[in-house]
């Protein structure tokens, strides 16, 4: 999942970016509203973490223009403005959630995870596809074996993120370009076969756990996560 942080405090911006990257998100971070709007218009983000008080363009103006453009990203507003009228103003302008400063990173992470799930229509933290269960809160995946018991998949952070994104889009083919856009940020060096290599590794681990084929290749389209025949 790919996140945009728009926050003028460099210390907070870098702290949030580091924490979200460690949690497995691809993160872009900018320090003013103008750059935030440019990024939002040119990249398909899952969640935008948007400060209210920003140079160039304030957060409420950025939010309004994002919604005018009908961009699908979920928006979490950050602000020290904590009156009821302020909250109502932010939400009615189009924010999906609202977090008042100061806040604990653990709460912001939980809200970002929830918004990322809702962005793709998954309300529950656990995504199930056949015998596969993906726990988006614990960032883990396991296979229920027919004979009983479970096999926990030993996935790298990148493999987990890729599998979770396919899980969020389960039943829908997802192209390589979309996967690259949502799994890698501006700092990442993406090799041409990166997605294919990660898919091959995940398939190998699913097979080793006794799981039937779940990731199907759609020629010239991409990949489909689905139980049974594609």
Protein backbone atom coordinates (compact mmCIF):
# COMPACT_ATOMS: atom_id res chain seq x y z
CA UNK A 1 0.00 0.00 0.00
CA UNK A 2 1.30 3.47 -0.87
CA UNK A 3 0.97 6.46 1.44
CA UNK A 4 1.51 10.20 0.89
CA UNK A 5 2.45 12.34 3.90
CA UNK A 6 1.94 16.10 3.55
CA UNK A 7 3.40 17.71 6.69
CA UNK A 8 5.49 20.88 7.01
CA UNK A 9 7.33 19.83 10.19
CA UNK A 10 10.42 18.03 8.90
CA UNK A 11 10.92 16.17 12.19
CA UNK A 12 7.34 14.87 12.27
CA UNK A 13 7.28 14.19 8.53
CA UNK A 14 10.42 12.07 8.62
CA UNK A 15 9.35 10.30 11.81
CA UNK A 16 5.98 9.32 10.31
CA UNK A 17 7.59 8.27 7.03
CA UNK A 18 10.10 6.04 8.81
CA UNK A 19 7.46 4.47 11.03
CA UNK A 20 5.10 3.73 8.15
CA UNK A 21 7.92 2.29 6.04
CA UNK A 22 8.90 0.02 8.92
CA UNK A 23 5.24 -1.07 9.03
CA UNK A 24 5.54 -2.12 5.38
CA UNK A 25 4.04 0.82 3.51
CA UNK A 26 5.58 2.58 0.53
CA UNK A 27 5.77 6.23 1.57
CA UNK A 28 6.26 9.55 -0.22
CA UNK A 29 6.58 12.66 1.96
CA UNK A 30 6.43 16.37 1.08
CA UNK A 31 6.42 19.56 3.13
CA UNK A 32 3.87 21.89 1.57
CA UNK A 33 0.35 21.84 0.19
CA UNK A 34 1.31 22.65 -3.39
CA UNK A 35 3.66 19.68 -3.64
CA UNK A 36 1.09 17.55 -1.84
CA UNK A 37 -1.57 18.34 -4.43
CA UNK A 38 0.82 17.66 -7.32
CA UNK A 39 1.72 14.26 -5.85
CA UNK A 40 -1.93 13.41 -5.14
CA UNK A 41 -2.90 14.21 -8.73
CA UNK A 42 -0.09 12.21 -10.34
CA UNK A 43 0.06 9.06 -8.18
CA UNK A 44 -2.66 6.63 -7.11
CA UNK A 45 -2.23 6.65 -3.32
CA UNK A 46 -4.16 4.40 -0.98
CA UNK A 47 -4.05 6.89 1.90
CA UNK A 48 -3.00 10.54 2.17
CA UNK A 49 -1.94 11.79 5.62
CA UNK A 50 -2.61 15.52 5.33
CA UNK A 51 -1.72 18.28 7.80
CA UNK A 52 -4.19 21.17 8.05
CA UNK A 53 -1.75 24.07 8.51
CA UNK A 54 0.59 24.01 5.52
CA UNK A 55 2.59 26.57 3.50
CA UNK A 56 1.67 27.31 -0.12
CA UNK A 57 -1.79 25.70 0.13
CA UNK A 58 -3.47 24.85 3.43
CA UNK A 59 -4.61 21.29 4.01
CA UNK A 60 -8.31 22.08 3.72
CA UNK A 61 -7.76 23.61 0.26
CA UNK A 62 -5.70 20.58 -0.80
CA UNK A 63 -8.44 18.28 0.48
CA UNK A 64 -11.13 20.21 -1.36
CA UNK A 65 -9.21 20.01 -4.65
CA UNK A 66 -8.51 16.30 -4.17
CA UNK A 67 -12.24 15.69 -3.84
CA UNK A 68 -13.03 17.97 -6.80
CA UNK A 69 -10.74 15.75 -8.89
CA UNK A 70 -12.59 12.67 -7.56
CA UNK A 71 -9.32 11.07 -6.48
CA UNK A 72 -10.04 7.77 -4.68
CA UNK A 73 -7.38 8.05 -1.95
CA UNK A 74 -8.59 7.99 1.65
CA UNK A 75 -7.54 11.13 3.55
CA UNK A 76 -6.51 11.32 7.20
CA UNK A 77 -6.36 14.93 8.41
CA UNK A 78 -3.75 15.87 11.03
CA UNK A 79 -4.30 19.06 12.99
CA UNK A 80 -3.97 20.86 16.31
CA UNK A 81 -7.40 22.38 15.67
CA UNK A 82 -9.58 20.28 17.93
CA UNK A 83 -12.91 22.07 18.26
CA UNK A 84 -16.08 20.31 17.14
CA UNK A 85 -16.59 22.89 14.38
CA UNK A 86 -13.07 22.23 13.07
CA UNK A 87 -13.67 18.50 12.96
CA UNK A 88 -17.01 18.94 11.21
CA UNK A 89 -15.42 21.29 8.69
CA UNK A 90 -12.67 18.80 7.87
CA UNK A 91 -15.04 15.86 7.56
CA UNK A 92 -17.60 17.71 5.47
CA UNK A 93 -14.86 18.88 3.11
CA UNK A 94 -14.06 15.23 2.39
CA UNK A 95 -11.71 13.85 5.03
CA UNK A 96 -12.23 10.19 5.86
CA UNK A 97 -10.74 10.48 9.33
CA UNK A 98 -9.37 13.13 11.66
CA UNK A 99 -6.48 12.93 14.15
CA UNK A 100 -5.65 15.72 16.61
CA UNK A 101 -2.03 16.55 17.47
CA UNK A 102 -0.27 15.41 19.58
CA UNK A 103 -1.00 11.76 18.90
CA UNK A 104 0.64 8.37 19.41
CA UNK A 105 2.13 6.79 16.31
CA UNK A 106 0.40 3.52 17.19
CA UNK A 107 -2.99 5.24 16.79
CA UNK A 108 -2.03 6.84 13.49
CA UNK A 109 -0.82 3.46 12.19
CA UNK A 110 -4.09 1.78 13.18
CA UNK A 111 -6.09 4.49 11.43
CA UNK A 112 -3.95 4.31 8.28
CA UNK A 113 -4.32 0.51 8.17
CA UNK A 114 -8.09 0.82 8.57
CA UNK A 115 -8.35 3.46 5.83
CA UNK A 116 -6.17 1.38 3.50
CA UNK A 117 -8.49 -1.60 3.95
CA UNK A 118 -11.60 0.49 3.40
CA UNK A 119 -10.04 2.04 0.29
CA UNK A 120 -10.34 -1.39 -1.33
CA UNK A 121 -13.63 -2.42 0.25
CA UNK A 122 -12.21 -4.66 3.00
CA UNK A 123 -13.71 -3.69 6.35
CA UNK A 124 -12.40 -6.56 8.50
CA UNK A 125 -8.67 -6.78 9.34
CA UNK A 126 -8.51 -10.42 8.17
CA UNK A 127 -8.80 -11.20 4.46
CA UNK A 128 -9.69 -14.80 3.58
CA UNK A 129 -9.18 -16.39 0.18
CA UNK A 130 -9.78 -20.13 0.26
CA UNK A 131 -7.46 -21.60 2.91
CA UNK A 132 -5.37 -18.40 3.00
CA UNK A 133 -5.88 -15.89 5.82
CA UNK A 134 -4.12 -12.50 5.71
CA UNK A 135 -4.12 -10.59 8.99
CA UNK A 136 -3.55 -6.96 8.00
CA UNK A 137 -3.19 -5.84 11.63
CA UNK A 138 -0.54 -8.41 12.57
CA UNK A 139 0.93 -8.30 9.04
CA UNK A 140 0.99 -12.08 8.81
CA UNK A 141 -0.48 -14.79 6.61
CA UNK A 142 -1.28 -18.43 7.22
CA UNK A 143 -2.76 -21.46 5.48
CA UNK A 144 -5.41 -23.69 7.04
CA UNK A 145 -4.44 -27.27 6.29
CA UNK A 146 -7.16 -29.80 5.32
CA UNK A 147 -5.85 -32.21 7.94
CA UNK A 148 -6.10 -29.56 10.63
CA UNK A 149 -3.76 -26.94 12.00
CA UNK A 150 -2.23 -24.00 10.19
CA UNK A 151 1.00 -23.20 8.37
CA UNK A 152 2.33 -19.69 8.96
CA UNK A 153 3.91 -18.26 5.82
CA UNK A 154 7.45 -16.94 6.26
CA UNK A 155 7.19 -13.89 4.01
CA UNK A 156 9.59 -11.01 3.53
CA UNK A 157 8.08 -7.54 4.13
CA UNK A 158 7.83 -6.99 0.36
CA UNK A 159 6.22 -10.39 -0.23
CA UNK A 160 3.69 -9.77 2.54
CA UNK A 161 2.79 -6.33 1.14
CA UNK A 162 2.32 -7.77 -2.35
CA UNK A 163 0.17 -10.63 -1.08
CA UNK A 164 -1.91 -8.27 1.08
CA UNK A 165 -2.51 -5.96 -1.89
CA UNK A 166 -3.66 -8.88 -4.04
CA UNK A 167 -5.82 -9.96 -1.10
CA UNK A 168 -7.44 -6.55 -0.90
CA UNK A 169 -8.22 -6.89 -4.62
CA UNK A 170 -9.12 -10.60 -4.45
CA UNK A 171 -11.14 -11.76 -7.45
CA UNK A 172 -9.91 -8.86 -9.60
CA UNK A 173 -6.89 -9.06 -11.95
CA UNK A 174 -4.19 -6.58 -10.97
CA UNK A 175 -1.60 -5.39 -13.50
CA UNK A 176 2.13 -5.14 -12.87
CA UNK A 177 2.10 -1.36 -13.29
CA UNK A 178 -0.56 -0.99 -10.57
CA UNK A 179 1.35 -3.28 -8.24
CA UNK A 180 4.56 -1.33 -8.76
CA UNK A 181 2.79 1.99 -8.15
CA UNK A 182 1.27 0.83 -4.87
CA UNK A 183 4.23 -1.17 -3.52
CA UNK A 184 7.17 1.13 -4.27
CA UNK A 185 7.76 4.76 -3.34
CA UNK A 186 9.91 7.45 -4.93
CA UNK A 187 13.03 6.24 -3.13
CA UNK A 188 12.74 2.68 -4.42
CA UNK A 189 14.76 1.27 -7.28
CA UNK A 190 12.36 -1.01 -9.12
CA UNK A 191 13.80 -3.70 -11.39
CA UNK A 192 11.78 -4.84 -14.40
CA UNK A 193 11.21 -8.33 -13.01
CA UNK A 194 10.71 -7.35 -9.35
CA UNK A 195 6.99 -8.14 -9.24
CA UNK A 196 7.36 -11.41 -11.16
CA UNK A 197 10.18 -12.54 -8.86
CA UNK A 198 8.17 -11.74 -5.73
CA UNK A 199 5.12 -13.56 -7.11
CA UNK A 200 7.27 -16.63 -7.85
CA UNK A 201 8.62 -16.59 -4.29
CA UNK A 202 5.12 -16.30 -2.77
CA UNK A 203 3.83 -19.12 -4.96
CA UNK A 204 6.70 -21.31 -3.82
CA UNK A 205 5.90 -20.65 -0.15
CA UNK A 206 2.18 -21.26 -0.68
CA UNK A 207 2.95 -24.53 -2.44
CA UNK A 208 5.36 -25.61 0.32
CA UNK A 209 2.60 -25.05 2.88
CA UNK A 210 0.29 -27.44 1.02
CA UNK A 211 -1.91 -24.66 -0.36
CA UNK A 212 -3.60 -25.20 -3.75
CA UNK A 213 -2.80 -22.60 -6.43
CA UNK A 214 -4.29 -19.22 -5.49
CA UNK A 215 -2.28 -16.71 -7.55
CA UNK A 216 -3.20 -17.00 -11.22
CA UNK A 217 -1.50 -15.26 -14.14
CA UNK A 218 -3.70 -13.44 -16.60
CA UNK A 219 -1.71 -13.10 -19.80
CA UNK A 220 -1.11 -9.44 -20.74
CA UNK A 221 -3.23 -8.36 -17.75
CA UNK A 222 -1.47 -9.26 -14.51
CA UNK A 223 -2.19 -11.44 -11.49
CA UNK A 224 -5.37 -12.66 -9.86
CA UNK A 225 -5.72 -13.95 -6.29
CA UNK A 226 -8.66 -16.32 -6.19
CA UNK A 227 -9.58 -19.72 -4.74
CA UNK A 228 -10.45 -22.36 -7.32
CA UNK A 229 -10.25 -21.96 -11.08
CA UNK A 230 -9.40 -18.43 -12.35
